């Protein structure tokens, strides 16, 4: 039975994600690679890096001694600071990012039998739903987090920053700084790409079981008029061909996983660091509570 090819799986699965990554300078443009490099580092230097750095300097310069105030401010500052490290692989090695994504369009991953098309369709649908859900939750959190300060009578910023001027006096200045802080955390919405990428090699492994298991059926279909010896020789050739194809397939998956490790190992490590920091800060925050109710 002839194999079919699934067309442009990257665009169908990650089209929205890639478009957003290009917008915030995390994925290279097809036509202007040099302009992309300038744009990516400019976006990083102007919008991403200053927010956590100014927040950290604020607490150093103010020399705050109230542990409760320190904990309240340092929690989000730490999260944004970790985001600086997580985004570096995308900025420093844009072609690696492109390679890991475009690898999913290789024939060896996408060739399939007609009855196996639902496996790839399922992977595409899961990736699209995953990003939609992730984007919705992240966008909701990034909107609700800063606007919580608007319930207070006096003006407040969602994050305390060191600034050479008072941003609270003039409304236009206050609004500009407020929106700038929101924009500085906006890149976090594109973080789930590497997790979604892993689904297609896994699904590909699943669908590749079929051809090998049907080798016996193929022999029976093609060897109806053959003698026993010819049938065994045909069976050996078909099985050998299937084994060679499986080896090539697993080599492609191994190469893909190696590229993922090189590109996203720092991203994953940074996420573990962020999780540890969240736990430590939460424990520190609990230690400042004078009374804990035990239910």
C-alpha atoms as a PDB file:
ATOM      1  CA  UNK A   1       0.000   0.000   0.000  1.00  0.00           C
ATOM      2  CA  UNK A   2       1.420   3.378  -1.002  1.00  0.00           C
ATOM      3  CA  UNK A   3       2.341   5.894   1.675  1.00  0.00           C
ATOM      4  CA  UNK A   4       0.944   9.410   1.670  1.00  0.00           C
ATOM      5  CA  UNK A   5       2.606  12.616   2.861  1.00  0.00           C
ATOM      6  CA  UNK A   6       1.106  15.094   5.290  1.00  0.00           C
ATOM      7  CA  UNK A   7       1.682  18.589   3.882  1.00  0.00           C
ATOM      8  CA  UNK A   8       3.136  21.497   5.907  1.00  0.00           C
ATOM      9  CA  UNK A   9       2.502  20.115   9.365  1.00  0.00           C
ATOM     10  CA  UNK A  10       4.526  22.916  10.983  1.00  0.00           C
ATOM     11  CA  UNK A  11       2.251  25.660   9.695  1.00  0.00           C
ATOM     12  CA  UNK A  12      -0.891  23.722  10.611  1.00  0.00           C
ATOM     13  CA  UNK A  13       0.313  22.986  14.139  1.00  0.00           C
ATOM     14  CA  UNK A  14       2.451  25.986  15.102  1.00  0.00           C
ATOM     15  CA  UNK A  15       1.360  28.729  12.694  1.00  0.00           C
ATOM     16  CA  UNK A  16      -0.091  31.017  15.375  1.00  0.00           C
ATOM     17  CA  UNK A  17       2.759  30.304  17.771  1.00  0.00           C
ATOM     18  CA  UNK A  18       5.438  31.055  15.166  1.00  0.00           C
ATOM     19  CA  UNK A  19       3.696  34.279  14.132  1.00  0.00           C
ATOM     20  CA  UNK A  20       3.693  35.472  17.744  1.00  0.00           C
ATOM     21  CA  UNK A  21       7.335  34.417  18.225  1.00  0.00           C
ATOM     22  CA  UNK A  22       8.328  36.482  15.183  1.00  0.00           C
ATOM     23  CA  UNK A  23       6.463  39.458  16.632  1.00  0.00           C
ATOM     24  CA  UNK A  24       8.488  39.394  19.873  1.00  0.00           C
ATOM     25  CA  UNK A  25      11.792  38.482  18.210  1.00  0.00           C
ATOM     26  CA  UNK A  26      12.017  34.788  19.118  1.00  0.00           C
ATOM     27  CA  UNK A  27      11.847  33.233  15.641  1.00  0.00           C
ATOM     28  CA  UNK A  28      13.830  34.279  12.535  1.00  0.00           C
ATOM     29  CA  UNK A  29      12.126  35.885   9.568  1.00  0.00           C
ATOM     30  CA  UNK A  30      12.412  34.062   6.253  1.00  0.00           C
ATOM     31  CA  UNK A  31      13.397  37.043   4.116  1.00  0.00           C
ATOM     32  CA  UNK A  32      15.472  39.339   6.371  1.00  0.00           C
ATOM     33  CA  UNK A  33      17.791  37.349   8.705  1.00  0.00           C
ATOM     34  CA  UNK A  34      20.067  40.322   9.471  1.00  0.00           C
ATOM     35  CA  UNK A  35      17.142  42.589  10.287  1.00  0.00           C
ATOM     36  CA  UNK A  36      15.735  39.853  12.518  1.00  0.00           C
ATOM     37  CA  UNK A  37      18.946  39.692  14.579  1.00  0.00           C
ATOM     38  CA  UNK A  38      18.892  43.454  15.114  1.00  0.00           C
ATOM     39  CA  UNK A  39      15.169  43.399  15.912  1.00  0.00           C
ATOM     40  CA  UNK A  40      15.463  40.436  18.322  1.00  0.00           C
ATOM     41  CA  UNK A  41      18.256  41.945  20.411  1.00  0.00           C
ATOM     42  CA  UNK A  42      16.673  45.409  20.337  1.00  0.00           C
ATOM     43  CA  UNK A  43      13.371  44.016  21.627  1.00  0.00           C
ATOM     44  CA  UNK A  44      15.251  42.083  24.313  1.00  0.00           C
ATOM     45  CA  UNK A  45      17.349  45.083  25.399  1.00  0.00           C
ATOM     46  CA  UNK A  46      14.529  47.645  25.314  1.00  0.00           C
ATOM     47  CA  UNK A  47      11.493  45.726  26.574  1.00  0.00           C
ATOM     48  CA  UNK A  48      12.556  42.472  28.255  1.00  0.00           C
ATOM     49  CA  UNK A  49      15.763  43.117  30.196  1.00  0.00           C
ATOM     50  CA  UNK A  50      15.172  46.543  31.849  1.00  0.00           C
ATOM     51  CA  UNK A  51      12.090  45.552  33.895  1.00  0.00           C
ATOM     52  CA  UNK A  52      13.703  42.894  36.152  1.00  0.00           C
ATOM     53  CA  UNK A  53      17.022  44.758  36.313  1.00  0.00           C
ATOM     54  CA  UNK A  54      15.365  48.007  37.442  1.00  0.00           C
ATOM     55  CA  UNK A  55      13.225  46.068  39.929  1.00  0.00           C
ATOM     56  CA  UNK A  56      16.273  44.365  41.455  1.00  0.00           C
ATOM     57  CA  UNK A  57      18.139  47.670  41.654  1.00  0.00           C
ATOM     58  CA  UNK A  58      15.084  49.235  43.319  1.00  0.00           C
ATOM     59  CA  UNK A  59      15.323  46.847  46.282  1.00  0.00           C
ATOM     60  CA  UNK A  60      19.101  47.238  46.481  1.00  0.00           C
ATOM     61  CA  UNK A  61      18.916  51.029  46.395  1.00  0.00           C
ATOM     62  CA  UNK A  62      15.984  51.331  48.797  1.00  0.00           C
ATOM     63  CA  UNK A  63      17.492  48.878  51.305  1.00  0.00           C
ATOM     64  CA  UNK A  64      14.081  47.673  52.329  1.00  0.00           C
ATOM     65  CA  UNK A  65      14.048  45.926  55.724  1.00  0.00           C
ATOM     66  CA  UNK A  66      10.380  44.914  55.862  1.00  0.00           C
ATOM     67  CA  UNK A  67      10.450  41.235  54.914  1.00  0.00           C
ATOM     68  CA  UNK A  68       6.791  41.231  53.858  1.00  0.00           C
ATOM     69  CA  UNK A  69       7.298  44.017  51.336  1.00  0.00           C
ATOM     70  CA  UNK A  70      10.446  42.360  50.029  1.00  0.00           C
ATOM     71  CA  UNK A  71       8.681  39.033  49.513  1.00  0.00           C
ATOM     72  CA  UNK A  72       5.722  40.658  47.745  1.00  0.00           C
ATOM     73  CA  UNK A  73       7.957  42.415  45.242  1.00  0.00           C
ATOM     74  CA  UNK A  74      10.684  39.835  44.766  1.00  0.00           C
ATOM     75  CA  UNK A  75       8.253  37.072  43.759  1.00  0.00           C
ATOM     76  CA  UNK A  76       7.364  38.522  40.355  1.00  0.00           C
ATOM     77  CA  UNK A  77      10.797  40.073  39.934  1.00  0.00           C
ATOM     78  CA  UNK A  78      12.391  36.636  40.222  1.00  0.00           C
ATOM     79  CA  UNK A  79       9.989  35.188  37.662  1.00  0.00           C
ATOM     80  CA  UNK A  80      10.763  37.900  35.117  1.00  0.00           C
ATOM     81  CA  UNK A  81      14.502  37.632  35.818  1.00  0.00           C
ATOM     82  CA  UNK A  82      14.415  33.904  35.030  1.00  0.00           C
ATOM     83  CA  UNK A  83      12.570  34.762  31.823  1.00  0.00           C
ATOM     84  CA  UNK A  84      15.666  36.698  30.708  1.00  0.00           C
ATOM     85  CA  UNK A  85      17.723  33.494  30.775  1.00  0.00           C
ATOM     86  CA  UNK A  86      15.005  31.363  29.207  1.00  0.00           C
ATOM     87  CA  UNK A  87      14.822  33.600  26.145  1.00  0.00           C
ATOM     88  CA  UNK A  88      18.569  33.654  25.424  1.00  0.00           C
ATOM     89  CA  UNK A  89      18.655  30.438  23.309  1.00  0.00           C
ATOM     90  CA  UNK A  90      16.030  31.913  20.985  1.00  0.00           C
ATOM     91  CA  UNK A  91      17.993  35.149  20.632  1.00  0.00           C
ATOM     92  CA  UNK A  92      21.508  33.664  20.359  1.00  0.00           C
ATOM     93  CA  UNK A  93      20.730  30.683  18.119  1.00  0.00           C
ATOM     94  CA  UNK A  94      17.685  31.489  15.964  1.00  0.00           C
ATOM     95  CA  UNK A  95      18.665  28.968  13.285  1.00  0.00           C
ATOM     96  CA  UNK A  96      18.648  26.165  15.858  1.00  0.00           C
ATOM     97  CA  UNK A  97      15.108  27.098  16.770  1.00  0.00           C
ATOM     98  CA  UNK A  98      14.110  27.063  13.116  1.00  0.00           C
ATOM     99  CA  UNK A  99      15.867  23.722  12.541  1.00  0.00           C
ATOM    100  CA  UNK A 100      14.060  21.942  15.379  1.00  0.00           C
ATOM    101  CA  UNK A 101      10.702  23.139  14.089  1.00  0.00           C
ATOM    102  CA  UNK A 102      11.330  22.586  10.369  1.00  0.00           C
ATOM    103  CA  UNK A 103      12.647  19.076  11.101  1.00  0.00           C
ATOM    104  CA  UNK A 104       9.055  18.049  11.700  1.00  0.00           C
ATOM    105  CA  UNK A 105       8.388  18.535   7.970  1.00  0.00           C
ATOM    106  CA  UNK A 106      10.801  15.739   7.022  1.00  0.00           C
ATOM    107  CA  UNK A 107       9.302  13.001   4.876  1.00  0.00           C
ATOM    108  CA  UNK A 108      10.381  10.319   7.321  1.00  0.00           C
ATOM    109  CA  UNK A 109       8.108  11.826   9.987  1.00  0.00           C
ATOM    110  CA  UNK A 110       5.158  12.637   7.740  1.00  0.00           C
ATOM    111  CA  UNK A 111       4.878   9.692   5.335  1.00  0.00           C
ATOM    112  CA  UNK A 112       1.974   7.542   6.403  1.00  0.00           C
ATOM    113  CA  UNK A 113      -0.596   5.047   5.216  1.00  0.00           C
ATOM    114  CA  UNK A 114      -4.132   6.323   4.570  1.00  0.00           C
ATOM    115  CA  UNK A 115      -5.491   4.594   7.663  1.00  0.00           C
ATOM    116  CA  UNK A 116      -2.777   6.243   9.799  1.00  0.00           C
ATOM    117  CA  UNK A 117      -3.695   9.818   8.874  1.00  0.00           C
ATOM    118  CA  UNK A 118      -5.856  10.156  11.985  1.00  0.00           C
ATOM    119  CA  UNK A 119      -2.741   9.734  14.166  1.00  0.00           C
ATOM    120  CA  UNK A 120      -1.053  12.827  12.720  1.00  0.00           C
ATOM    121  CA  UNK A 121      -4.360  14.696  12.619  1.00  0.00           C
ATOM    122  CA  UNK A 122      -4.705  13.991  16.332  1.00  0.00           C
ATOM    123  CA  UNK A 123      -1.207  15.338  17.060  1.00  0.00           C
ATOM    124  CA  UNK A 124      -1.933  18.505  15.066  1.00  0.00           C
ATOM    125  CA  UNK A 125      -5.213  19.056  16.895  1.00  0.00           C
ATOM    126  CA  UNK A 126      -3.638  18.487  20.320  1.00  0.00           C
ATOM    127  CA  UNK A 127      -0.838  20.984  19.596  1.00  0.00           C
ATOM    128  CA  UNK A 128      -3.291  23.632  18.440  1.00  0.00           C
ATOM    129  CA  UNK A 129      -5.542  23.137  21.453  1.00  0.00           C
ATOM    130  CA  UNK A 130      -2.542  23.103  23.800  1.00  0.00           C
ATOM    131  CA  UNK A 131      -1.271  26.437  22.527  1.00  0.00           C
ATOM    132  CA  UNK A 132      -4.751  27.996  22.544  1.00  0.00           C
ATOM    133  CA  UNK A 133      -5.235  26.934  26.164  1.00  0.00           C
ATOM    134  CA  UNK A 134      -1.726  28.012  27.160  1.00  0.00           C
ATOM    135  CA  UNK A 135      -2.082  31.358  25.386  1.00  0.00           C
ATOM    136  CA  UNK A 136      -5.464  32.036  26.993  1.00  0.00           C
ATOM    137  CA  UNK A 137      -4.269  31.309  30.533  1.00  0.00           C
ATOM    138  CA  UNK A 138      -1.016  33.253  30.115  1.00  0.00           C
ATOM    139  CA  UNK A 139      -2.742  36.231  28.525  1.00  0.00           C
ATOM    140  CA  UNK A 140      -5.340  36.204  31.294  1.00  0.00           C
ATOM    141  CA  UNK A 141      -2.675  36.090  34.013  1.00  0.00           C
ATOM    142  CA  UNK A 142      -0.557  38.787  32.371  1.00  0.00           C
ATOM    143  CA  UNK A 143      -3.611  41.058  32.183  1.00  0.00           C
ATOM    144  CA  UNK A 144      -5.019  40.350  35.650  1.00  0.00           C
ATOM    145  CA  UNK A 145      -1.617  40.569  37.368  1.00  0.00           C
ATOM    146  CA  UNK A 146      -0.928  44.260  36.604  1.00  0.00           C
ATOM    147  CA  UNK A 147      -4.510  45.556  36.786  1.00  0.00           C
ATOM    148  CA  UNK A 148      -4.913  44.276  40.364  1.00  0.00           C
ATOM    149  CA  UNK A 149      -3.188  47.462  41.543  1.00  0.00           C
ATOM    150  CA  UNK A 150      -5.951  49.577  39.998  1.00  0.00           C
ATOM    151  CA  UNK A 151      -8.352  48.670  42.810  1.00  0.00           C
ATOM    152  CA  UNK A 152      -6.355  50.847  45.219  1.00  0.00           C
ATOM    153  CA  UNK A 153      -7.255  54.469  45.752  1.00  0.00           C
ATOM    154  CA  UNK A 154      -3.728  55.713  45.094  1.00  0.00           C
ATOM    155  CA  UNK A 155      -1.726  55.050  41.955  1.00  0.00           C
ATOM    156  CA  UNK A 156       0.554  52.030  42.046  1.00  0.00           C
ATOM    157  CA  UNK A 157       2.713  50.153  39.602  1.00  0.00           C
ATOM    158  CA  UNK A 158       2.353  46.379  39.255  1.00  0.00           C
ATOM    159  CA  UNK A 159       6.073  46.095  39.976  1.00  0.00           C
ATOM    160  CA  UNK A 160       8.285  48.470  41.923  1.00  0.00           C
ATOM    161  CA  UNK A 161      11.024  49.840  39.660  1.00  0.00           C
ATOM    162  CA  UNK A 162      13.929  52.180  40.209  1.00  0.00           C
ATOM    163  CA  UNK A 163      13.335  55.217  38.015  1.00  0.00           C
ATOM    164  CA  UNK A 164      15.094  58.605  37.940  1.00  0.00           C
ATOM    165  CA  UNK A 165      11.685  60.299  38.072  1.00  0.00           C
ATOM    166  CA  UNK A 166       8.375  59.836  39.835  1.00  0.00           C
ATOM    167  CA  UNK A 167       6.064  57.917  37.452  1.00  0.00           C
ATOM    168  CA  UNK A 168       3.000  58.433  39.653  1.00  0.00           C
ATOM    169  CA  UNK A 169       2.667  62.214  39.362  1.00  0.00           C
ATOM    170  CA  UNK A 170       1.626  62.545  35.724  1.00  0.00           C
ATOM    171  CA  UNK A 171      -1.105  60.226  34.404  1.00  0.00           C
ATOM    172  CA  UNK A 172       0.406  59.906  30.918  1.00  0.00           C
ATOM    173  CA  UNK A 173       3.780  58.949  32.364  1.00  0.00           C
ATOM    174  CA  UNK A 174       2.113  56.532  34.770  1.00  0.00           C
ATOM    175  CA  UNK A 175       0.149  54.867  31.955  1.00  0.00           C
ATOM    176  CA  UNK A 176       3.264  54.597  29.778  1.00  0.00           C
ATOM    177  CA  UNK A 177       5.295  52.912  32.528  1.00  0.00           C
ATOM    178  CA  UNK A 178       2.347  50.676  33.371  1.00  0.00           C
ATOM    179  CA  UNK A 179       2.045  49.442  29.765  1.00  0.00           C
ATOM    180  CA  UNK A 180       5.824  49.092  29.494  1.00  0.00           C
ATOM    181  CA  UNK A 181       5.882  46.687  32.453  1.00  0.00           C
ATOM    182  CA  UNK A 182       3.090  44.636  30.880  1.00  0.00           C
ATOM    183  CA  UNK A 183       4.941  44.473  27.563  1.00  0.00           C
ATOM    184  CA  UNK A 184       8.111  43.348  29.335  1.00  0.00           C
ATOM    185  CA  UNK A 185       6.416  40.116  30.414  1.00  0.00           C
ATOM    186  CA  UNK A 186       4.575  39.468  27.161  1.00  0.00           C
ATOM    187  CA  UNK A 187       7.163  37.087  25.679  1.00  0.00           C
ATOM    188  CA  UNK A 188       6.259  34.439  28.259  1.00  0.00           C
ATOM    189  CA  UNK A 189       3.220  33.487  26.161  1.00  0.00           C
ATOM    190  CA  UNK A 190       5.416  31.726  23.562  1.00  0.00           C
ATOM    191  CA  UNK A 191       7.088  29.287  25.968  1.00  0.00           C
ATOM    192  CA  UNK A 192       5.215  26.065  25.202  1.00  0.00           C
ATOM    193  CA  UNK A 193       6.592  25.481  21.701  1.00  0.00           C
ATOM    194  CA  UNK A 194       9.315  23.008  22.680  1.00  0.00           C
ATOM    195  CA  UNK A 195       6.835  20.886  24.635  1.00  0.00           C
ATOM    196  CA  UNK A 196       4.469  20.647  21.676  1.00  0.00           C
ATOM    197  CA  UNK A 197       7.287  19.759  19.290  1.00  0.00           C
ATOM    198  CA  UNK A 198       7.908  16.443  21.044  1.00  0.00           C
ATOM    199  CA  UNK A 199       4.466  15.118  20.149  1.00  0.00           C
ATOM    200  CA  UNK A 200       5.174  14.459  16.488  1.00  0.00           C
ATOM    201  CA  UNK A 201       8.163  12.099  16.861  1.00  0.00           C
ATOM    202  CA  UNK A 202       6.160  10.225  19.521  1.00  0.00           C
ATOM    203  CA  UNK A 203       3.159   9.956  17.206  1.00  0.00           C
ATOM    204  CA  UNK A 204       5.523   9.012  14.397  1.00  0.00           C
ATOM    205  CA  UNK A 205       6.881   6.118  16.448  1.00  0.00           C
ATOM    206  CA  UNK A 206       3.346   4.960  17.064  1.00  0.00           C
ATOM    207  CA  UNK A 207       2.326   4.962  13.402  1.00  0.00           C
ATOM    208  CA  UNK A 208       5.563   3.273  12.291  1.00  0.00           C
ATOM    209  CA  UNK A 209       4.567   0.111  14.092  1.00  0.00           C
ATOM    210  CA  UNK A 210       1.968  -0.547  11.398  1.00  0.00           C
ATOM    211  CA  UNK A 211       4.123  -1.263   8.314  1.00  0.00           C
ATOM    212  CA  UNK A 212       6.366  -3.702  10.168  1.00  0.00           C
ATOM    213  CA  UNK A 213       3.432  -5.576  11.674  1.00  0.00           C
ATOM    214  CA  UNK A 214       1.854  -5.867   8.215  1.00  0.00           C
ATOM    215  CA  UNK A 215       4.966  -7.336   6.590  1.00  0.00           C
ATOM    216  CA  UNK A 216       3.480 -10.805   6.811  1.00  0.00           C
ATOM    217  CA  UNK A 217       0.292  -9.593   5.102  1.00  0.00           C
ATOM    218  CA  UNK A 218       2.305  -8.012   2.308  1.00  0.00           C
ATOM    219  CA  UNK A 219       4.187 -11.262   1.740  1.00  0.00           C
ATOM    220  CA  UNK A 220       0.940 -13.223   1.583  1.00  0.00           C
ATOM    221  CA  UNK A 221      -0.551 -10.775  -0.902  1.00  0.00           C
ATOM    222  CA  UNK A 222       2.445 -10.715  -3.261  1.00  0.00           C
ATOM    223  CA  UNK A 223       3.454 -14.379  -3.099  1.00  0.00           C
ATOM    224  CA  UNK A 224       0.247 -16.221  -3.983  1.00  0.00           C
ATOM    225  CA  UNK A 225       1.813 -17.874  -7.050  1.00  0.00           C
ATOM    226  CA  UNK A 226       5.283 -18.414  -5.558  1.00  0.00           C
ATOM    227  CA  UNK A 227       6.812 -21.552  -4.182  1.00  0.00           C
ATOM    228  CA  UNK A 228       7.770 -21.825  -0.523  1.00  0.00           C
ATOM    229  CA  UNK A 229      11.436 -20.901  -1.090  1.00  0.00           C
ATOM    230  CA  UNK A 230      10.594 -17.822  -3.175  1.00  0.00           C
ATOM    231  CA  UNK A 231       8.038 -16.798  -0.586  1.00  0.00           C
ATOM    232  CA  UNK A 232      10.612 -16.996   2.211  1.00  0.00           C
ATOM    233  CA  UNK A 233      13.113 -14.975   0.170  1.00  0.00           C
ATOM    234  CA  UNK A 234      10.482 -12.311  -0.517  1.00  0.00           C
ATOM    235  CA  UNK A 235       9.554 -12.225   3.145  1.00  0.00           C
ATOM    236  CA  UNK A 236      13.219 -11.783   4.123  1.00  0.00           C
ATOM    237  CA  UNK A 237      13.658  -8.896   1.646  1.00  0.00           C
ATOM    238  CA  UNK A 238      10.508  -7.119   2.836  1.00  0.00           C
ATOM    239  CA  UNK A 239      11.428  -7.504   6.510  1.00  0.00           C
ATOM    240  CA  UNK A 240      14.992  -6.326   5.803  1.00  0.00           C
ATOM    241  CA  UNK A 241      13.634  -3.257   4.006  1.00  0.00           C
ATOM    242  CA  UNK A 242      11.286  -2.526   6.905  1.00  0.00           C
ATOM    243  CA  UNK A 243      14.105  -2.880   9.433  1.00  0.00           C
ATOM    244  CA  UNK A 244      16.326  -0.490   7.436  1.00  0.00           C
ATOM    245  CA  UNK A 245      13.461   1.990   7.272  1.00  0.00           C
ATOM    246  CA  UNK A 246      12.904   1.720  11.038  1.00  0.00           C
ATOM    247  CA  UNK A 247      16.622   2.324  11.677  1.00  0.00           C
ATOM    248  CA  UNK A 248      16.556   5.450   9.489  1.00  0.00           C
ATOM    249  CA  UNK A 249      13.420   6.551  11.299  1.00  0.00           C
ATOM    250  CA  UNK A 250      14.925   6.125  14.754  1.00  0.00           C
ATOM    251  CA  UNK A 251      18.140   7.874  13.630  1.00  0.00           C
ATOM    252  CA  UNK A 252      16.036  10.842  12.511  1.00  0.00           C
ATOM    253  CA  UNK A 253      14.273  10.910  15.883  1.00  0.00           C
ATOM    254  CA  UNK A 254      17.608  10.670  17.719  1.00  0.00           C
ATOM    255  CA  UNK A 255      18.992  13.596  15.705  1.00  0.00           C
ATOM    256  CA  UNK A 256      15.818  15.564  16.412  1.00  0.00           C
ATOM    257  CA  UNK A 257      16.086  14.915  20.166  1.00  0.00           C
ATOM    258  CA  UNK A 258      19.752  15.980  20.132  1.00  0.00           C
ATOM    259  CA  UNK A 259      18.768  19.259  18.469  1.00  0.00           C
ATOM    260  CA  UNK A 260      16.078  19.766  21.109  1.00  0.00           C
ATOM    261  CA  UNK A 261      18.617  19.216  23.889  1.00  0.00           C
ATOM    262  CA  UNK A 262      21.115  21.672  22.397  1.00  0.00           C
ATOM    263  CA  UNK A 263      18.478  24.325  21.785  1.00  0.00           C
ATOM    264  CA  UNK A 264      16.210  24.072  24.821  1.00  0.00           C
ATOM    265  CA  UNK A 265      18.318  22.600  27.655  1.00  0.00           C
ATOM    266  CA  UNK A 266      18.908  26.082  29.097  1.00  0.00           C
ATOM    267  CA  UNK A 267      15.190  26.840  28.770  1.00  0.00           C
ATOM    268  CA  UNK A 268      14.214  23.716  30.725  1.00  0.00           C
ATOM    269  CA  UNK A 269      16.919  24.287  33.345  1.00  0.00           C
ATOM    270  CA  UNK A 270      15.755  27.871  33.837  1.00  0.00           C
ATOM    271  CA  UNK A 271      12.208  26.649  34.358  1.00  0.00           C
ATOM    272  CA  UNK A 272      13.406  24.276  37.089  1.00  0.00           C
ATOM    273  CA  UNK A 273      15.261  27.163  38.725  1.00  0.00           C
ATOM    274  CA  UNK A 274      12.106  29.287  38.545  1.00  0.00           C
ATOM    275  CA  UNK A 275      10.081  26.511  40.192  1.00  0.00           C
ATOM    276  CA  UNK A 276      12.598  26.221  43.027  1.00  0.00           C
ATOM    277  CA  UNK A 277      12.561  29.983  43.528  1.00  0.00           C
ATOM    278  CA  UNK A 278       8.756  30.003  43.656  1.00  0.00           C
ATOM    279  CA  UNK A 279       8.775  27.301  46.344  1.00  0.00           C
ATOM    280  CA  UNK A 280      11.444  29.094  48.392  1.00  0.00           C
ATOM    281  CA  UNK A 281       9.723  32.472  48.166  1.00  0.00           C
ATOM    282  CA  UNK A 282       6.381  30.891  49.061  1.00  0.00           C
ATOM    283  CA  UNK A 283       7.953  29.267  52.132  1.00  0.00           C
ATOM    284  CA  UNK A 284       9.509  32.590  53.079  1.00  0.00           C
ATOM    285  CA  UNK A 285       6.132  34.269  52.681  1.00  0.00           C
ATOM    286  CA  UNK A 286       4.512  31.661  54.937  1.00  0.00           C
ATOM    287  CA  UNK A 287       7.180  32.272  57.555  1.00  0.00           C
ATOM    288  CA  UNK A 288       6.116  35.928  57.779  1.00  0.00           C
ATOM    289  CA  UNK A 289       2.535  35.008  58.685  1.00  0.00           C
ATOM    290  CA  UNK A 290       2.086  35.327  62.424  1.00  0.00           C
ATOM    291  CA  UNK A 291      -0.881  32.969  62.628  1.00  0.00           C
ATOM    292  CA  UNK A 292      -1.561  29.945  60.433  1.00  0.00           C
ATOM    293  CA  UNK A 293      -4.982  28.361  60.684  1.00  0.00           C
ATOM    294  CA  UNK A 294      -4.918  24.580  60.731  1.00  0.00           C
ATOM    295  CA  UNK A 295      -8.120  23.169  59.276  1.00  0.00           C
END
